[in-house]
Amino acid sequence: MEDDQFPLHTAARDGSELRVRALLKADPAAASKKDHDGRTPIFWAVSSDRADIVQQLLTAASDDGKLVRIGIDDTDEAGWTLAHIAASIGSATVLDLLLPYGPDLAAQTAAGQTPLHYAVSRARLPVAERLLAAYPAAARVRDRQRQTPLHRAAAIGSVPLITLLVRHQSPLNTSDASGWTPLFHAAAEGHGDAALALLAAGADPHRLDPDGHGFLDVAADDKVKQWIVDAAKRDAIEL
């Protein structure tokens, strides 16, 4: 568009690799310019999962050969970093390009969520594996609702993510703002297999929430409750 104030941003968002290349050559400094959303072009490239354009922007050089400054930990108006976006869309390829630049994987949005919270909430297992390899302590970070990533993994019923997080010492019996441990979330959402995985890992089946309810009391229905009871008995897990 002729009146486009941010042509490089538009090209990055649209995935126009050749246009990005031409615009960078004409004006390398545009790579660090922020638009009305507080985003530099690389934010749009990451959002569009365009690893080729992300690579171009990370290595854009000015006329004197120096790299154009790309703030790896810059945030947009919503408080998201590039790592948050890559984790949310589940792009391991883009995340692999960002990690050598040392992004702050402990960075939290206004809601207190780290990139790992988003990766887990959206069942992005390969991305979660990379994030934890780079920053294992992310498994223990709480958001503003006092939820760790394990609360999220339990709520979506992902046994592979639960296994990964437990291996990285995510606390099993930490209560969130509602007084629920991950085990409560698994049962309440009807994920019997996730509840069983948590119990097998050492989750406390005797914890009560602020209303005096145990995790089986909040199970999605009687069928889920009975399945958990039977499976626990089969596996010699005391409830």
C-alpha atoms as a PDB file:
ATOM      1  CA  MET A   1       0.000   0.000   0.000  1.00  0.00           C
ATOM      2  CA  GLU A   2       1.307   3.437  -0.947  1.00  0.00           C
ATOM      3  CA  ASP A   3       0.419   4.979   2.413  1.00  0.00           C
ATOM      4  CA  ASP A   4       1.870   2.119   4.457  1.00  0.00           C
ATOM      5  CA  GLN A   5       3.938   3.700   7.241  1.00  0.00           C
ATOM      6  CA  PHE A   6       5.557   0.378   8.084  1.00  0.00           C
ATOM      7  CA  PRO A   7       6.214  -1.505   4.839  1.00  0.00           C
ATOM      8  CA  LEU A   8       8.827  -3.795   6.384  1.00  0.00           C
ATOM      9  CA  HIS A   9       6.412  -4.786   9.137  1.00  0.00           C
ATOM     10  CA  THR A  10       3.741  -5.540   6.534  1.00  0.00           C
ATOM     11  CA  ALA A  11       6.112  -7.593   4.405  1.00  0.00           C
ATOM     12  CA  ALA A  12       7.254  -9.572   7.464  1.00  0.00           C
ATOM     13  CA  ARG A  13       3.665 -10.209   8.540  1.00  0.00           C
ATOM     14  CA  ASP A  14       2.658 -11.292   5.036  1.00  0.00           C
ATOM     15  CA  GLY A  15       5.660 -13.551   4.631  1.00  0.00           C
ATOM     16  CA  SER A  16       6.999 -11.681   1.586  1.00  0.00           C
ATOM     17  CA  GLU A  17      10.610 -12.827   1.803  1.00  0.00           C
ATOM     18  CA  LEU A  18      11.837 -11.071  -1.334  1.00  0.00           C
ATOM     19  CA  ARG A  19      10.202  -7.778  -0.339  1.00  0.00           C
ATOM     20  CA  VAL A  20      11.706  -8.022   3.143  1.00  0.00           C
ATOM     21  CA  ARG A  21      15.101  -8.513   1.568  1.00  0.00           C
ATOM     22  CA  ALA A  22      14.663  -5.481  -0.702  1.00  0.00           C
ATOM     23  CA  LEU A  23      13.355  -3.242   2.076  1.00  0.00           C
ATOM     24  CA  LEU A  24      16.186  -4.213   4.408  1.00  0.00           C
ATOM     25  CA  LYS A  25      18.725  -3.450   1.727  1.00  0.00           C
ATOM     26  CA  ALA A  26      17.164  -0.016   1.151  1.00  0.00           C
ATOM     27  CA  ASP A  27      16.796   0.837   4.842  1.00  0.00           C
ATOM     28  CA  PRO A  28      18.423  -1.566   7.354  1.00  0.00           C
ATOM     29  CA  ALA A  29      17.415   0.657  10.280  1.00  0.00           C
ATOM     30  CA  ALA A  30      13.755  -0.155   9.611  1.00  0.00           C
ATOM     31  CA  ALA A  31      14.393  -3.523  11.265  1.00  0.00           C
ATOM     32  CA  SER A  32      14.423  -1.811  14.668  1.00  0.00           C
ATOM     33  CA  LYS A  33      11.462   0.520  14.066  1.00  0.00           C
ATOM     34  CA  LYS A  34       8.337  -0.012  16.164  1.00  0.00           C
ATOM     35  CA  ASP A  35       4.821   0.216  14.753  1.00  0.00           C
ATOM     36  CA  HIS A  36       1.607   1.304  16.499  1.00  0.00           C
ATOM     37  CA  ASP A  37       1.425  -2.067  18.297  1.00  0.00           C
ATOM     38  CA  GLY A  38       4.878  -1.526  19.756  1.00  0.00           C
ATOM     39  CA  ARG A  39       6.258  -4.218  17.485  1.00  0.00           C
ATOM     40  CA  THR A  40       9.390  -4.297  15.377  1.00  0.00           C
ATOM     41  CA  PRO A  41       9.166  -6.265  12.094  1.00  0.00           C
ATOM     42  CA  ILE A  42      10.585  -9.398  13.674  1.00  0.00           C
ATOM     43  CA  PHE A  43       7.513  -9.664  15.923  1.00  0.00           C
ATOM     44  CA  TRP A  44       5.371 -10.083  12.820  1.00  0.00           C
ATOM     45  CA  ALA A  45       7.769 -12.560  11.263  1.00  0.00           C
ATOM     46  CA  VAL A  46       7.675 -14.677  14.422  1.00  0.00           C
ATOM     47  CA  SER A  47       3.871 -14.405  14.619  1.00  0.00           C
ATOM     48  CA  SER A  48       3.661 -15.626  11.017  1.00  0.00           C
ATOM     49  CA  ASP A  49       6.078 -18.485  11.742  1.00  0.00           C
ATOM     50  CA  ARG A  50       8.422 -17.353   8.983  1.00  0.00           C
ATOM     51  CA  ALA A  51      11.797 -18.634  10.067  1.00  0.00           C
ATOM     52  CA  ASP A  52      13.455 -17.394   6.872  1.00  0.00           C
ATOM     53  CA  ILE A  53      12.380 -13.817   7.543  1.00  0.00           C
ATOM     54  CA  VAL A  54      13.213 -14.084  11.248  1.00  0.00           C
ATOM     55  CA  GLN A  55      16.727 -15.103  10.228  1.00  0.00           C
ATOM     56  CA  GLN A  56      17.023 -12.149   7.855  1.00  0.00           C
ATOM     57  CA  LEU A  57      15.951  -9.690  10.525  1.00  0.00           C
ATOM     58  CA  LEU A  58      18.226 -11.159  13.176  1.00  0.00           C
ATOM     59  CA  THR A  59      21.220 -10.773  10.886  1.00  0.00           C
ATOM     60  CA  ALA A  60      20.294  -7.481   9.164  1.00  0.00           C
ATOM     61  CA  ALA A  61      23.389  -5.308   8.810  1.00  0.00           C
ATOM     62  CA  SER A  62      23.761  -1.582   8.291  1.00  0.00           C
ATOM     63  CA  ASP A  63      25.999  -0.047   5.637  1.00  0.00           C
ATOM     64  CA  ASP A  64      29.032  -0.241   7.933  1.00  0.00           C
ATOM     65  CA  GLY A  65      28.518  -3.970   8.388  1.00  0.00           C
ATOM     66  CA  LYS A  66      27.328  -3.792  11.986  1.00  0.00           C
ATOM     67  CA  LEU A  67      24.240  -5.727  12.979  1.00  0.00           C
ATOM     68  CA  VAL A  68      21.097  -3.656  13.337  1.00  0.00           C
ATOM     69  CA  ARG A  69      19.977  -3.764  16.965  1.00  0.00           C
ATOM     70  CA  ILE A  70      17.137  -6.217  17.479  1.00  0.00           C
ATOM     71  CA  GLY A  71      15.895  -6.167  21.046  1.00  0.00           C
ATOM     72  CA  ILE A  72      15.532  -9.868  21.755  1.00  0.00           C
ATOM     73  CA  ASP A  73      13.652  -9.085  24.978  1.00  0.00           C
ATOM     74  CA  ASP A  74      11.599  -6.159  23.684  1.00  0.00           C
ATOM     75  CA  THR A  75       7.900  -6.408  24.431  1.00  0.00           C
ATOM     76  CA  ASP A  76       4.933  -5.335  22.364  1.00  0.00           C
ATOM     77  CA  GLU A  77       1.959  -3.392  23.716  1.00  0.00           C
ATOM     78  CA  ALA A  78       0.526  -6.631  25.134  1.00  0.00           C
ATOM     79  CA  GLY A  79       3.734  -7.346  27.045  1.00  0.00           C
ATOM     80  CA  TRP A  80       4.759 -10.293  24.887  1.00  0.00           C
ATOM     81  CA  THR A  81       8.358 -11.009  23.944  1.00  0.00           C
ATOM     82  CA  LEU A  82       9.460 -12.852  20.822  1.00  0.00           C
ATOM     83  CA  ALA A  83       9.882 -15.990  22.921  1.00  0.00           C
ATOM     84  CA  HIS A  84       6.298 -15.719  24.183  1.00  0.00           C
ATOM     85  CA  ILE A  85       5.032 -15.568  20.620  1.00  0.00           C
ATOM     86  CA  ALA A  86       7.185 -18.430  19.363  1.00  0.00           C
ATOM     87  CA  ALA A  87       6.061 -20.574  22.304  1.00  0.00           C
ATOM     88  CA  SER A  88       2.416 -19.714  21.818  1.00  0.00           C
ATOM     89  CA  ILE A  89       2.333 -20.604  18.124  1.00  0.00           C
ATOM     90  CA  GLY A  90       4.411 -23.710  18.787  1.00  0.00           C
ATOM     91  CA  SER A  91       7.268 -22.912  16.439  1.00  0.00           C
ATOM     92  CA  ALA A  92      10.306 -24.889  17.528  1.00  0.00           C
ATOM     93  CA  THR A  93      12.096 -23.753  14.370  1.00  0.00           C
ATOM     94  CA  VAL A  94      11.719 -20.064  15.205  1.00  0.00           C
ATOM     95  CA  LEU A  95      12.553 -20.652  18.857  1.00  0.00           C
ATOM     96  CA  ASP A  96      15.770 -22.384  17.790  1.00  0.00           C
ATOM     97  CA  LEU A  97      16.737 -19.198  15.942  1.00  0.00           C
ATOM     98  CA  LEU A  98      16.024 -17.018  18.980  1.00  0.00           C
ATOM     99  CA  LEU A  99      17.689 -19.098  21.694  1.00  0.00           C
ATOM    100  CA  PRO A 100      21.318 -18.395  20.662  1.00  0.00           C
ATOM    101  CA  TYR A 101      20.617 -14.699  21.295  1.00  0.00           C
ATOM    102  CA  GLY A 102      19.842 -15.413  24.948  1.00  0.00           C
ATOM    103  CA  PRO A 103      16.198 -14.378  25.335  1.00  0.00           C
ATOM    104  CA  ASP A 104      14.933 -13.950  28.884  1.00  0.00           C
ATOM    105  CA  LEU A 105      12.821 -17.077  29.340  1.00  0.00           C
ATOM    106  CA  ALA A 106      11.798 -15.889  32.801  1.00  0.00           C
ATOM    107  CA  ALA A 107      10.058 -12.853  31.305  1.00  0.00           C
ATOM    108  CA  GLN A 108       6.411 -12.629  32.318  1.00  0.00           C
ATOM    109  CA  THR A 109       3.468 -10.915  30.695  1.00  0.00           C
ATOM    110  CA  ALA A 110       1.113  -8.696  32.677  1.00  0.00           C
ATOM    111  CA  ALA A 111      -0.719 -11.904  33.619  1.00  0.00           C
ATOM    112  CA  GLY A 112       2.549 -13.370  34.891  1.00  0.00           C
ATOM    113  CA  GLN A 113       2.879 -15.939  32.144  1.00  0.00           C
ATOM    114  CA  THR A 114       6.261 -17.091  30.890  1.00  0.00           C
ATOM    115  CA  PRO A 115       6.858 -18.583  27.441  1.00  0.00           C
ATOM    116  CA  LEU A 116       6.607 -22.019  29.070  1.00  0.00           C
ATOM    117  CA  HIS A 117       3.108 -21.274  30.393  1.00  0.00           C
ATOM    118  CA  TYR A 118       1.981 -20.607  26.823  1.00  0.00           C
ATOM    119  CA  ALA A 119       3.766 -23.612  25.367  1.00  0.00           C
ATOM    120  CA  VAL A 120       2.151 -25.906  27.928  1.00  0.00           C
ATOM    121  CA  SER A 121      -1.321 -24.349  27.689  1.00  0.00           C
ATOM    122  CA  ARG A 122      -1.299 -25.004  23.949  1.00  0.00           C
ATOM    123  CA  ALA A 123       0.233 -28.493  24.229  1.00  0.00           C
ATOM    124  CA  ARG A 124       3.440 -27.505  22.409  1.00  0.00           C
ATOM    125  CA  LEU A 125       5.611 -30.362  23.672  1.00  0.00           C
ATOM    126  CA  PRO A 126       8.699 -29.834  21.434  1.00  0.00           C
ATOM    127  CA  VAL A 127       8.751 -26.150  22.338  1.00  0.00           C
ATOM    128  CA  ALA A 128       8.329 -26.913  26.042  1.00  0.00           C
ATOM    129  CA  GLU A 129      11.262 -29.323  25.842  1.00  0.00           C
ATOM    130  CA  ARG A 130      13.481 -26.625  24.349  1.00  0.00           C
ATOM    131  CA  LEU A 131      12.405 -24.002  26.864  1.00  0.00           C
ATOM    132  CA  LEU A 132      13.111 -26.295  29.800  1.00  0.00           C
ATOM    133  CA  ALA A 133      16.465 -27.360  28.380  1.00  0.00           C
ATOM    134  CA  ALA A 134      17.446 -23.686  28.209  1.00  0.00           C
ATOM    135  CA  TYR A 135      15.825 -22.620  31.498  1.00  0.00           C
ATOM    136  CA  PRO A 136      14.812 -25.518  33.778  1.00  0.00           C
ATOM    137  CA  ALA A 137      13.573 -23.200  36.542  1.00  0.00           C
ATOM    138  CA  ALA A 138      10.659 -22.166  34.304  1.00  0.00           C
ATOM    139  CA  ALA A 139       8.904 -25.306  35.542  1.00  0.00           C
ATOM    140  CA  ARG A 140       8.535 -23.650  38.935  1.00  0.00           C
ATOM    141  CA  VAL A 141       7.423 -20.137  37.963  1.00  0.00           C
ATOM    142  CA  ARG A 142       3.902 -19.097  38.965  1.00  0.00           C
ATOM    143  CA  ASP A 143       1.702 -16.695  37.049  1.00  0.00           C
ATOM    144  CA  ARG A 144      -0.634 -14.121  38.611  1.00  0.00           C
ATOM    145  CA  GLN A 145      -3.163 -16.877  39.321  1.00  0.00           C
ATOM    146  CA  ARG A 146      -0.343 -18.674  41.156  1.00  0.00           C
ATOM    147  CA  GLN A 147      -0.401 -21.426  38.586  1.00  0.00           C
ATOM    148  CA  THR A 148       2.745 -23.235  37.543  1.00  0.00           C
ATOM    149  CA  PRO A 149       2.991 -24.802  34.084  1.00  0.00           C
ATOM    150  CA  LEU A 150       2.049 -28.111  35.731  1.00  0.00           C
ATOM    151  CA  HIS A 151      -1.386 -26.709  36.591  1.00  0.00           C
ATOM    152  CA  ARG A 152      -1.824 -25.978  32.878  1.00  0.00           C
ATOM    153  CA  ALA A 153      -0.592 -29.412  31.787  1.00  0.00           C
ATOM    154  CA  ALA A 154      -3.031 -31.059  34.200  1.00  0.00           C
ATOM    155  CA  ALA A 155      -5.936 -28.901  33.021  1.00  0.00           C
ATOM    156  CA  ILE A 156      -5.411 -29.889  29.379  1.00  0.00           C
ATOM    157  CA  GLY A 157      -4.738 -33.516  30.311  1.00  0.00           C
ATOM    158  CA  SER A 158      -1.319 -33.867  28.692  1.00  0.00           C
ATOM    159  CA  VAL A 159       0.492 -36.805  30.257  1.00  0.00           C
ATOM    160  CA  PRO A 160       3.678 -36.199  28.188  1.00  0.00           C
ATOM    161  CA  LEU A 161       3.840 -32.601  29.434  1.00  0.00           C
ATOM    162  CA  ILE A 162       3.119 -33.677  33.005  1.00  0.00           C
ATOM    163  CA  THR A 163       5.958 -36.202  32.767  1.00  0.00           C
ATOM    164  CA  LEU A 164       8.310 -33.564  31.343  1.00  0.00           C
ATOM    165  CA  LEU A 165       7.465 -30.994  34.011  1.00  0.00           C
ATOM    166  CA  VAL A 166       7.703 -33.444  36.886  1.00  0.00           C
ATOM    167  CA  ARG A 167      11.117 -34.475  35.582  1.00  0.00           C
ATOM    168  CA  HIS A 168      12.116 -30.806  35.812  1.00  0.00           C
ATOM    169  CA  GLN A 169      10.894 -30.609  39.412  1.00  0.00           C
ATOM    170  CA  SER A 170       7.678 -28.711  38.889  1.00  0.00           C
ATOM    171  CA  PRO A 171       5.991 -28.831  42.324  1.00  0.00           C
ATOM    172  CA  LEU A 172       3.234 -31.416  42.500  1.00  0.00           C
ATOM    173  CA  ASN A 173       1.301 -30.080  45.464  1.00  0.00           C
ATOM    174  CA  THR A 174       1.404 -26.327  45.022  1.00  0.00           C
ATOM    175  CA  SER A 175      -2.012 -24.685  45.241  1.00  0.00           C
ATOM    176  CA  ASP A 176      -3.061 -21.925  42.857  1.00  0.00           C
ATOM    177  CA  ALA A 177      -5.166 -18.883  43.720  1.00  0.00           C
ATOM    178  CA  SER A 178      -8.299 -21.039  43.895  1.00  0.00           C
ATOM    179  CA  GLY A 179      -6.637 -23.454  46.312  1.00  0.00           C
ATOM    180  CA  TRP A 180      -6.338 -26.217  43.722  1.00  0.00           C
ATOM    181  CA  THR A 181      -3.268 -28.339  43.049  1.00  0.00           C
ATOM    182  CA  PRO A 182      -2.661 -29.723  39.539  1.00  0.00           C
ATOM    183  CA  LEU A 183      -4.432 -32.922  40.619  1.00  0.00           C
ATOM    184  CA  PHE A 184      -7.672 -31.015  41.193  1.00  0.00           C
ATOM    185  CA  HIS A 185      -7.503 -29.506  37.704  1.00  0.00           C
ATOM    186  CA  ALA A 186      -6.941 -32.875  36.073  1.00  0.00           C
ATOM    187  CA  ALA A 187      -9.931 -34.406  37.845  1.00  0.00           C
ATOM    188  CA  ALA A 188     -12.209 -31.416  37.303  1.00  0.00           C
ATOM    189  CA  GLU A 189     -11.508 -31.410  33.565  1.00  0.00           C
ATOM    190  CA  GLY A 190     -12.177 -35.138  33.304  1.00  0.00           C
ATOM    191  CA  HIS A 191      -8.599 -36.190  32.564  1.00  0.00           C
ATOM    192  CA  GLY A 192      -8.358 -39.422  34.523  1.00  0.00           C
ATOM    193  CA  ASP A 193      -5.093 -40.491  32.907  1.00  0.00           C
ATOM    194  CA  ALA A 194      -3.512 -37.144  33.810  1.00  0.00           C
ATOM    195  CA  ALA A 195      -4.750 -37.490  37.402  1.00  0.00           C
ATOM    196  CA  LEU A 196      -3.272 -40.978  37.568  1.00  0.00           C
ATOM    197  CA  ALA A 197       0.074 -39.724  36.229  1.00  0.00           C
ATOM    198  CA  LEU A 198       0.160 -37.052  38.928  1.00  0.00           C
ATOM    199  CA  LEU A 199      -0.711 -39.562  41.640  1.00  0.00           C
ATOM    200  CA  ALA A 200       1.971 -41.944  40.405  1.00  0.00           C
ATOM    201  CA  ALA A 201       4.484 -39.088  40.543  1.00  0.00           C
ATOM    202  CA  GLY A 202       3.624 -38.370  44.176  1.00  0.00           C
ATOM    203  CA  ALA A 203       0.730 -35.898  44.138  1.00  0.00           C
ATOM    204  CA  ASP A 204      -1.009 -35.776  47.515  1.00  0.00           C
ATOM    205  CA  PRO A 205      -4.507 -37.289  47.180  1.00  0.00           C
ATOM    206  CA  HIS A 206      -5.537 -36.048  50.624  1.00  0.00           C
ATOM    207  CA  ARG A 207      -5.227 -32.302  50.041  1.00  0.00           C
ATOM    208  CA  LEU A 208      -8.413 -30.277  50.491  1.00  0.00           C
ATOM    209  CA  ASP A 209      -9.357 -27.044  48.760  1.00  0.00           C
ATOM    210  CA  PRO A 210     -10.646 -23.991  50.695  1.00  0.00           C
ATOM    211  CA  ASP A 211     -14.186 -25.423  50.540  1.00  0.00           C
ATOM    212  CA  GLY A 212     -13.088 -28.684  52.113  1.00  0.00           C
ATOM    213  CA  HIS A 213     -13.300 -30.686  48.902  1.00  0.00           C
ATOM    214  CA  GLY A 214     -10.830 -33.349  47.859  1.00  0.00           C
ATOM    215  CA  PHE A 215      -9.794 -33.848  44.246  1.00  0.00           C
ATOM    216  CA  LEU A 216     -12.272 -36.679  43.702  1.00  0.00           C
ATOM    217  CA  ASP A 217     -15.094 -34.419  44.917  1.00  0.00           C
ATOM    218  CA  VAL A 218     -14.488 -32.065  42.005  1.00  0.00           C
ATOM    219  CA  ALA A 219     -14.142 -34.785  39.365  1.00  0.00           C
ATOM    220  CA  ALA A 220     -15.991 -33.999  36.137  1.00  0.00           C
ATOM    221  CA  ASP A 221     -18.516 -36.784  36.721  1.00  0.00           C
ATOM    222  CA  ASP A 222     -18.982 -40.102  38.526  1.00  0.00           C
ATOM    223  CA  LYS A 223     -17.550 -42.037  35.586  1.00  0.00           C
ATOM    224  CA  VAL A 224     -14.263 -40.136  35.758  1.00  0.00           C
ATOM    225  CA  LYS A 225     -14.188 -40.470  39.529  1.00  0.00           C
ATOM    226  CA  GLN A 226     -14.682 -44.232  39.378  1.00  0.00           C
ATOM    227  CA  TRP A 227     -12.086 -44.612  36.640  1.00  0.00           C
ATOM    228  CA  ILE A 228      -9.486 -42.861  38.813  1.00  0.00           C
ATOM    229  CA  VAL A 229     -10.389 -44.975  41.862  1.00  0.00           C
ATOM    230  CA  ASP A 230     -10.156 -48.220  39.872  1.00  0.00           C
ATOM    231  CA  ALA A 231      -6.925 -47.244  38.116  1.00  0.00           C
ATOM    232  CA  ALA A 232      -5.307 -46.192  41.377  1.00  0.00           C
ATOM    233  CA  LYS A 233      -6.274 -49.496  42.981  1.00  0.00           C
ATOM    234  CA  ARG A 234      -4.862 -51.412  40.017  1.00  0.00           C
ATOM    235  CA  ASP A 235      -1.570 -49.532  40.316  1.00  0.00           C
ATOM    236  CA  ALA A 236      -1.444 -49.864  44.119  1.00  0.00           C
ATOM    237  CA  ILE A 237      -1.801 -46.115  44.666  1.00  0.00           C
ATOM    238  CA  GLU A 238      -3.459 -45.313  47.976  1.00  0.00           C
ATOM    239  CA  LEU A 239      -6.221 -42.706  47.836  1.00  0.00           C
END
